[in-house]
Amino acid sequence: MAAARQDAVAQARRIVVKVGSSSLTTASGGLDADRVDALVDVLATVRGRAHAAGGDARETVLVSSGAIAAGLAPLGLERRPRDLARQQAAASVGQGLLVARYTASFARYGVRVGQVLLTTDDTSRRASYRNAYRTLDQLLGMGAVPVVNENDTVATAEIRFGDNDRLAALVAHLVRADLLVLLSDVDGLYDGDPSRPGASRIAEVRGPADLAGVSIGSAGRAGVGTGGMVTKVEAARIAADAGIPVVLTSAIRAADALAGRDTGTYFHPTGRRSAGRLLWLEHASTPLGALTLDDGAVRAVVDRRTSLLPAGIAAVEGEFSAGDPVELRDPAGRPVARGLVNFDAKEIPQLLGRSTRELARELGPAYEREVVHRDDLVILHP
């Protein structure tokens, strides 16, 4: 199976690399210039080596944590704040410092960088998703390295990714990457606590069965980030399910990972690439309300993959506007799907159980449409 890893890495032309806060900052929260430079050295060398060998230069998207951590020391904060407002303030200060450091470091190799800040709201809606892809694709086509982070300065609790591991998996899908590399302060996934004797590194994961019985820790070591091994494994699963191979290892072994050597944990792709932003809708959106469907509508939506019409809706709850994500539930209250709704919550009660033709006659042609179109809907598998 080592050959599968080597082939996947060797053939990857577009790569997403994610690095965590603890791999870029000091324990007190400031950026560690030497660590940043060491990472950039690896990325620039791999990029140049492929070109020198006569092949196309590798395109790299860097998903980088560290904005909040970088902003702690300048604002006199001793640790990551718990409240969103101070996190946003730290991100505002730290994001500029982070991108400036990357800009200076990549400039040593004559490589430009471009800052791209995303929220879940930017990428679950059709127009915003297309625009995000065009921007990233254009940056790569012009030889720049996009540096992606969550837009912490404006993100609210409802539209946050929660961690950059998941963001990296979704960005890998967005840009149609050939490989995702997750870098942290741990050199792979272990079958137990890696700090204790007897724990063994799991070299590869072919599917969920390989993780059965494995105890995965929930916290990182440095205390400046939000992710831990749980979020990394979940991100790897998201990417692998979308047909993207993943290498999980430590930042100091980035060169080995990008050379296809036996380091960290390799996650084999287990699925096919799904349609566009539906992966984002499933994994990055937070439903702002719920629609309860009757049995017939559940069968139509889940089994036949049709749009949701007003006639199949039994109840509505929550406060949402047209375009927001909502959960679709069966009569027992179990979530079966998620989609972007075409009506405000206050409009839907008058639509319940009625045909679109009847609604068009009574309320006008604007009401002769789906409540959730099938192109804006993803089925949630148990």
Protein backbone atom coordinates (compact mmCIF):
# COMPACT_ATOMS: atom_id res chain seq x y z
CA MET A 1 0.00 0.00 0.00
CA ALA A 2 3.02 2.31 0.27
CA ALA A 3 2.97 2.49 -3.52
CA ALA A 4 -0.55 3.94 -3.43
CA ARG A 5 0.65 6.78 -1.23
CA GLN A 6 3.71 7.42 -3.38
CA ASP A 7 1.66 7.44 -6.57
CA ALA A 8 -1.00 9.74 -5.13
CA VAL A 9 1.58 12.25 -3.92
CA ALA A 10 3.73 12.06 -7.04
CA GLN A 11 0.78 12.60 -9.35
CA ALA A 12 -0.76 15.44 -7.34
CA ARG A 13 -0.49 18.72 -9.22
CA ARG A 14 -2.84 20.78 -7.06
CA ILE A 15 -2.30 20.38 -3.32
CA VAL A 16 -3.97 21.90 -0.28
CA VAL A 17 -1.72 22.14 2.78
CA LYS A 18 -3.19 23.02 6.15
CA VAL A 19 -1.02 24.13 9.07
CA GLY A 20 -2.20 24.65 12.63
CA SER A 21 -1.57 27.50 15.05
CA SER A 22 0.71 25.45 17.28
CA SER A 23 3.06 24.84 14.34
CA LEU A 24 3.47 28.55 13.61
CA THR A 25 3.50 30.33 16.95
CA THR A 26 5.38 30.47 20.21
CA ALA A 27 3.79 29.26 23.42
CA SER A 28 3.07 32.89 24.35
CA GLY A 29 1.12 33.45 21.13
CA GLY A 30 3.47 35.36 18.83
CA LEU A 31 4.38 34.23 15.34
CA ASP A 32 7.57 32.19 15.15
CA ALA A 33 9.35 33.50 12.03
CA ASP A 34 11.67 30.49 11.89
CA ARG A 35 8.75 28.06 11.82
CA VAL A 36 6.99 30.02 9.11
CA ASP A 37 10.16 30.14 7.04
CA ALA A 38 10.75 26.41 7.49
CA LEU A 39 7.28 25.62 6.15
CA VAL A 40 7.66 28.02 3.23
CA ASP A 41 11.06 26.50 2.41
CA VAL A 42 9.39 23.11 1.99
CA LEU A 43 6.47 24.39 -0.09
CA ALA A 44 8.67 26.49 -2.37
CA THR A 45 11.20 23.69 -2.84
CA VAL A 46 8.55 21.12 -3.77
CA ARG A 47 6.98 23.60 -6.15
CA GLY A 48 10.29 24.36 -7.83
CA ARG A 49 11.46 20.75 -7.93
CA ALA A 50 8.45 19.64 -9.97
CA HIS A 51 9.06 22.41 -12.49
CA ALA A 52 12.77 21.67 -12.73
CA ALA A 53 12.01 18.02 -13.43
CA GLY A 54 10.20 19.07 -16.60
CA GLY A 55 6.67 18.75 -15.27
CA ASP A 56 4.08 21.35 -14.49
CA ALA A 57 4.78 23.33 -11.34
CA ARG A 58 2.75 22.13 -8.40
CA GLU A 59 -0.02 24.48 -7.37
CA THR A 60 -0.35 24.93 -3.63
CA VAL A 61 -3.17 26.35 -1.55
CA LEU A 62 -2.14 27.05 2.04
CA VAL A 63 -4.89 26.94 4.65
CA SER A 64 -3.26 28.58 7.62
CA SER A 65 -4.44 28.98 11.17
CA GLY A 66 -2.63 31.38 13.44
CA ALA A 67 -4.41 34.72 13.08
CA ILE A 68 -5.95 34.74 16.54
CA ALA A 69 -2.80 33.29 18.11
CA ALA A 70 -0.64 35.90 16.36
CA GLY A 71 -2.83 38.69 17.69
CA LEU A 72 -2.66 37.68 21.36
CA ALA A 73 0.71 39.16 22.31
CA PRO A 74 0.24 42.50 20.48
CA LEU A 75 -3.06 42.99 22.33
CA GLY A 76 -1.62 41.99 25.69
CA LEU A 77 -3.65 38.81 25.93
CA GLU A 78 -2.01 35.92 27.75
CA ARG A 79 -4.23 33.20 26.28
CA ARG A 80 -6.86 32.68 23.62
CA PRO A 81 -10.02 34.51 24.77
CA ARG A 82 -13.26 32.60 25.15
CA ASP A 83 -15.62 35.34 23.95
CA LEU A 84 -16.20 35.87 20.24
CA ALA A 85 -15.67 39.65 20.30
CA ARG A 86 -12.11 39.44 21.65
CA GLN A 87 -11.34 36.52 19.34
CA GLN A 88 -12.40 38.72 16.44
CA ALA A 89 -10.24 41.58 17.70
CA ALA A 90 -7.23 39.28 17.99
CA ALA A 91 -7.89 37.90 14.51
CA SER A 92 -8.09 41.40 13.08
CA VAL A 93 -4.63 42.25 14.41
CA GLY A 94 -3.11 38.82 13.85
CA GLN A 95 -4.34 38.20 10.31
CA GLY A 96 -2.34 41.14 9.00
CA LEU A 97 0.77 39.95 10.81
CA LEU A 98 0.27 36.40 9.52
CA VAL A 99 -0.10 37.35 5.85
CA ALA A 100 2.76 39.85 6.07
CA ARG A 101 5.01 37.09 7.40
CA TYR A 102 3.99 34.72 4.60
CA THR A 103 4.43 37.48 2.01
CA ALA A 104 7.97 38.18 3.17
CA SER A 105 8.87 34.50 3.45
CA PHE A 106 7.59 33.47 0.01
CA ALA A 107 9.21 36.57 -1.51
CA ARG A 108 12.58 34.93 -0.86
CA TYR A 109 11.63 32.57 -3.70
CA GLY A 110 9.98 35.17 -5.91
CA VAL A 111 6.53 33.77 -5.14
CA ARG A 112 3.51 35.97 -4.51
CA VAL A 113 0.76 35.21 -2.01
CA GLY A 114 -2.90 36.17 -1.99
CA GLN A 115 -5.11 36.38 1.08
CA VAL A 116 -8.49 34.64 0.90
CA LEU A 117 -10.81 34.81 3.91
CA LEU A 118 -13.92 32.64 3.92
CA THR A 119 -17.03 32.05 5.98
CA THR A 120 -19.47 29.19 5.52
CA ASP A 121 -21.97 31.69 4.16
CA ASP A 122 -19.57 32.50 1.32
CA THR A 123 -19.45 28.96 0.07
CA SER A 124 -22.79 27.23 0.59
CA ARG A 125 -24.66 29.65 -1.69
CA ARG A 126 -24.38 29.02 -5.42
CA ALA A 127 -23.08 32.41 -6.62
CA SER A 128 -20.61 32.81 -3.74
CA TYR A 129 -19.30 29.27 -4.22
CA ARG A 130 -18.59 29.89 -7.89
CA ASN A 131 -16.91 33.19 -7.10
CA ALA A 132 -14.68 31.60 -4.44
CA TYR A 133 -13.61 28.92 -6.91
CA ARG A 134 -12.88 31.46 -9.66
CA THR A 135 -10.77 33.59 -7.32
CA LEU A 136 -8.69 30.69 -6.04
CA ASP A 137 -8.31 29.16 -9.49
CA GLN A 138 -7.19 32.50 -10.94
CA LEU A 139 -4.62 33.03 -8.18
CA LEU A 140 -3.19 29.57 -8.82
CA GLY A 141 -3.19 30.15 -12.57
CA MET A 142 -1.18 33.33 -12.08
CA GLY A 143 1.44 31.52 -10.01
CA ALA A 144 0.40 32.85 -6.61
CA VAL A 145 -0.08 30.86 -3.41
CA PRO A 146 -3.52 31.52 -1.88
CA VAL A 147 -3.33 31.77 1.90
CA VAL A 148 -6.79 30.81 3.16
CA ASN A 149 -8.21 31.32 6.62
CA GLU A 150 -11.61 31.62 8.17
CA ASN A 151 -12.80 35.21 8.24
CA ASP A 152 -12.74 35.34 12.03
CA THR A 153 -13.20 39.11 12.15
CA VAL A 154 -16.77 38.91 10.83
CA ALA A 155 -17.82 35.28 11.37
CA THR A 156 -20.56 34.74 13.91
CA ALA A 157 -21.26 31.57 15.85
CA GLU A 158 -23.84 30.61 13.21
CA ILE A 159 -21.49 30.89 10.21
CA ARG A 160 -18.19 29.61 11.58
CA PHE A 161 -16.42 26.52 10.28
CA GLY A 162 -15.32 25.79 13.84
CA ASP A 163 -11.82 24.69 12.89
CA ASN A 164 -9.47 25.05 9.95
CA ASP A 165 -9.09 21.29 9.54
CA ARG A 166 -12.62 21.06 8.23
CA LEU A 167 -12.12 24.26 6.23
CA ALA A 168 -9.07 22.70 4.58
CA ALA A 169 -11.02 19.59 3.57
CA LEU A 170 -13.74 21.72 2.03
CA VAL A 171 -11.25 23.99 0.27
CA ALA A 172 -9.56 20.90 -1.17
CA HIS A 173 -12.91 19.93 -2.64
CA LEU A 174 -13.62 23.49 -3.79
CA VAL A 175 -10.39 23.84 -5.78
CA ARG A 176 -10.52 20.21 -7.02
CA ALA A 177 -7.26 19.35 -5.32
CA ASP A 178 -5.42 16.10 -5.91
CA LEU A 179 -4.09 15.86 -2.34
CA LEU A 180 -4.72 17.28 1.12
CA VAL A 181 -1.88 17.48 3.66
CA LEU A 182 -2.83 18.23 7.28
CA LEU A 183 0.11 19.47 9.35
CA SER A 184 0.12 19.84 13.14
CA ASP A 185 2.34 19.18 16.13
CA VAL A 186 1.59 15.42 16.10
CA ASP A 187 3.30 13.14 13.60
CA GLY A 188 0.23 11.09 12.72
CA LEU A 189 -2.71 9.18 14.10
CA TYR A 190 -1.94 6.65 16.85
CA ASP A 191 -3.93 3.75 18.24
CA GLY A 192 -3.64 5.33 21.69
CA ASP A 193 -2.12 8.31 23.48
CA PRO A 194 1.17 8.88 21.58
CA SER A 195 2.82 10.17 24.76
CA ARG A 196 2.41 6.78 26.42
CA PRO A 197 4.55 3.68 25.80
CA GLY A 198 3.10 1.07 23.52
CA ALA A 199 1.13 3.41 21.26
CA SER A 200 1.64 2.67 17.57
CA ARG A 201 1.29 4.97 14.60
CA ILE A 202 -1.46 4.03 12.18
CA ALA A 203 0.31 4.22 8.83
CA GLU A 204 -2.80 4.16 6.65
CA VAL A 205 -6.57 4.23 6.84
CA ARG A 206 -8.56 2.56 4.08
CA GLY A 207 -11.96 3.26 5.60
CA PRO A 208 -13.95 3.62 8.83
CA ALA A 209 -13.31 0.00 9.81
CA ASP A 210 -9.61 0.78 10.28
CA LEU A 211 -10.52 3.25 13.03
CA ALA A 212 -12.87 0.97 14.93
CA GLY A 213 -11.79 0.85 18.56
CA VAL A 214 -9.20 3.61 18.14
CA SER A 215 -9.31 6.21 20.91
CA ILE A 216 -8.80 9.65 19.41
CA GLY A 217 -7.82 12.53 21.68
CA SER A 218 -9.78 15.77 21.60
CA ALA A 219 -7.24 18.49 22.35
CA GLY A 220 -4.05 19.80 20.85
CA ARG A 221 -0.91 20.32 22.89
CA ALA A 222 -0.21 24.01 22.55
CA GLY A 223 -3.55 25.47 23.60
CA VAL A 224 -3.57 28.23 20.97
CA GLY A 225 -5.78 26.51 18.37
CA THR A 226 -9.26 25.04 18.28
CA GLY A 227 -8.55 21.71 16.63
CA GLY A 228 -7.32 18.39 17.93
CA MET A 229 -6.94 14.92 16.49
CA VAL A 230 -10.72 14.52 16.36
CA THR A 231 -11.09 17.44 13.97
CA LYS A 232 -8.20 16.23 11.82
CA VAL A 233 -9.62 12.74 11.45
CA GLU A 234 -13.04 14.20 10.65
CA ALA A 235 -11.46 16.49 8.03
CA ALA A 236 -9.59 13.54 6.55
CA ARG A 237 -12.84 11.59 6.36
CA ILE A 238 -14.63 14.46 4.60
CA ALA A 239 -11.86 14.75 2.02
CA ALA A 240 -11.47 10.99 1.53
CA ASP A 241 -15.23 10.60 1.07
CA ALA A 242 -14.96 13.25 -1.64
CA GLY A 243 -12.26 11.28 -3.46
CA ILE A 244 -9.24 13.21 -2.19
CA PRO A 245 -6.29 11.35 -0.58
CA VAL A 246 -5.02 12.80 2.69
CA VAL A 247 -1.71 12.77 4.57
CA LEU A 248 -1.82 13.68 8.27
CA THR A 249 1.55 14.38 9.89
CA SER A 250 3.56 16.97 11.79
CA ALA A 251 4.77 20.25 10.30
CA ILE A 252 8.40 19.29 10.77
CA ARG A 253 7.81 16.30 8.47
CA ALA A 254 6.11 18.28 5.73
CA ALA A 255 8.93 17.57 3.26
CA ASP A 256 8.57 13.82 3.78
CA ALA A 257 4.80 14.04 3.35
CA LEU A 258 5.12 15.95 0.07
CA ALA A 259 7.71 13.48 -1.19
CA GLY A 260 5.40 10.51 -0.62
CA ARG A 261 7.56 8.98 2.08
CA ASP A 262 6.21 6.88 4.94
CA THR A 263 5.35 9.53 7.47
CA GLY A 264 2.20 10.21 9.43
CA THR A 265 -1.08 8.60 8.42
CA TYR A 266 -2.29 8.21 4.85
CA PHE A 267 -6.05 8.19 4.27
CA HIS A 268 -7.04 6.44 1.05
CA PRO A 269 -9.83 8.08 -0.94
CA THR A 270 -13.04 6.19 -0.29
CA GLY A 271 -15.61 8.00 -2.42
CA ARG A 272 -16.14 10.09 -5.50
CA ARG A 273 -16.12 13.83 -5.82
CA SER A 274 -19.61 15.14 -5.11
CA ALA A 275 -21.30 18.00 -6.90
CA GLY A 276 -19.84 21.39 -6.06
CA ARG A 277 -21.06 23.13 -2.98
CA LEU A 278 -23.22 20.25 -1.72
CA LEU A 279 -20.26 19.06 0.35
CA TRP A 280 -20.14 22.51 1.91
CA LEU A 281 -23.87 22.46 2.52
CA GLU A 282 -23.56 19.13 4.32
CA HIS A 283 -20.46 19.79 6.40
CA ALA A 284 -20.17 23.56 6.83
CA SER A 285 -23.67 24.98 7.07
CA THR A 286 -25.68 25.44 10.26
CA PRO A 287 -29.44 25.04 9.75
CA LEU A 288 -31.39 28.11 10.87
CA GLY A 289 -34.71 26.28 10.93
CA ALA A 290 -36.46 23.03 10.11
CA LEU A 291 -39.22 21.75 7.85
CA THR A 292 -41.11 18.60 8.81
CA LEU A 293 -42.11 16.49 5.82
CA ASP A 294 -44.89 13.97 5.43
CA ASP A 295 -44.03 10.39 4.48
CA GLY A 296 -44.63 10.97 0.79
CA ALA A 297 -42.33 13.97 0.68
CA VAL A 298 -39.61 12.05 2.53
CA ARG A 299 -39.75 9.30 -0.09
CA ALA A 300 -39.72 11.84 -2.92
CA VAL A 301 -36.79 13.82 -1.55
CA VAL A 302 -34.65 10.98 -0.18
CA ASP A 303 -35.39 8.11 -2.56
CA ARG A 304 -36.22 9.91 -5.81
CA ARG A 305 -34.04 12.98 -5.13
CA THR A 306 -36.76 15.42 -6.16
CA SER A 307 -37.24 19.01 -5.05
CA LEU A 308 -39.33 19.73 -1.96
CA LEU A 309 -42.75 21.15 -2.81
CA PRO A 310 -45.11 22.94 -0.38
CA ALA A 311 -47.62 20.08 -0.55
CA GLY A 312 -45.24 17.77 1.29
CA ILE A 313 -44.51 20.05 4.27
CA ALA A 314 -46.37 19.44 7.53
CA ALA A 315 -44.71 21.98 9.83
CA VAL A 316 -42.09 24.72 9.99
CA GLU A 317 -39.95 26.05 12.83
CA GLY A 318 -37.20 28.59 13.28
CA GLU A 319 -36.48 32.06 11.93
CA PHE A 320 -34.82 32.13 8.54
CA SER A 321 -34.80 34.04 5.28
CA ALA A 322 -34.86 32.89 1.68
CA GLY A 323 -31.46 31.41 0.84
CA ASP A 324 -30.70 30.19 4.37
CA PRO A 325 -29.91 26.53 5.14
CA VAL A 326 -32.70 24.54 6.78
CA GLU A 327 -33.02 20.97 8.01
CA LEU A 328 -35.59 18.62 6.48
CA ARG A 329 -37.05 16.13 8.94
CA ASP A 330 -39.23 13.06 8.67
CA PRO A 331 -42.51 12.79 10.66
CA ALA A 332 -40.58 11.34 13.63
CA GLY A 333 -38.30 14.39 13.75
CA ARG A 334 -35.19 12.70 12.33
CA PRO A 335 -33.06 14.85 9.99
CA VAL A 336 -33.06 13.37 6.48
CA ALA A 337 -31.71 16.22 4.36
CA ARG A 338 -30.45 19.79 4.38
CA GLY A 339 -31.13 22.48 1.81
CA LEU A 340 -31.30 26.16 0.97
CA VAL A 341 -34.87 27.39 1.31
CA ASN A 342 -36.55 29.66 -1.24
CA PHE A 343 -38.97 31.38 1.14
CA ASP A 344 -38.80 33.29 4.41
CA ALA A 345 -39.99 31.39 7.48
CA LYS A 346 -42.99 33.70 7.89
CA GLU A 347 -44.20 32.88 4.34
CA ILE A 348 -44.22 29.11 4.67
CA PRO A 349 -47.21 28.52 7.03
CA GLN A 350 -49.60 29.69 4.30
CA LEU A 351 -48.01 27.24 1.85
CA LEU A 352 -48.24 24.05 3.93
CA GLY A 353 -49.90 21.12 2.21
CA ARG A 354 -50.90 23.12 -0.86
CA SER A 355 -50.04 22.55 -4.51
CA THR A 356 -47.91 25.04 -6.40
CA ARG A 357 -50.67 25.48 -8.97
CA GLU A 358 -53.17 26.45 -6.28
CA LEU A 359 -50.67 28.84 -4.68
CA ALA A 360 -49.90 30.46 -8.04
CA ARG A 361 -53.61 31.12 -8.65
CA GLU A 362 -54.14 32.63 -5.20
CA LEU A 363 -50.83 34.37 -4.45
CA GLY A 364 -49.22 34.92 -7.84
CA PRO A 365 -46.67 33.21 -10.11
CA ALA A 366 -43.80 33.80 -7.65
CA TYR A 367 -45.27 31.04 -5.48
CA GLU A 368 -45.28 28.41 -8.24
CA ARG A 369 -41.85 27.08 -7.25
CA GLU A 370 -40.10 24.64 -4.99
CA VAL A 371 -39.55 25.37 -1.31
CA VAL A 372 -36.14 23.69 -1.65
CA HIS A 373 -34.80 22.94 -5.14
CA ARG A 374 -33.07 19.59 -5.61
CA ASP A 375 -29.91 21.40 -6.79
CA ASP A 376 -29.77 23.08 -3.36
CA LEU A 377 -30.36 19.93 -1.32
CA VAL A 378 -28.12 17.25 0.17
CA ILE A 379 -29.28 13.96 1.65
CA LEU A 380 -27.98 13.24 5.17
CA HIS A 381 -26.94 9.61 5.47
CA PRO A 382 -27.12 8.02 8.96
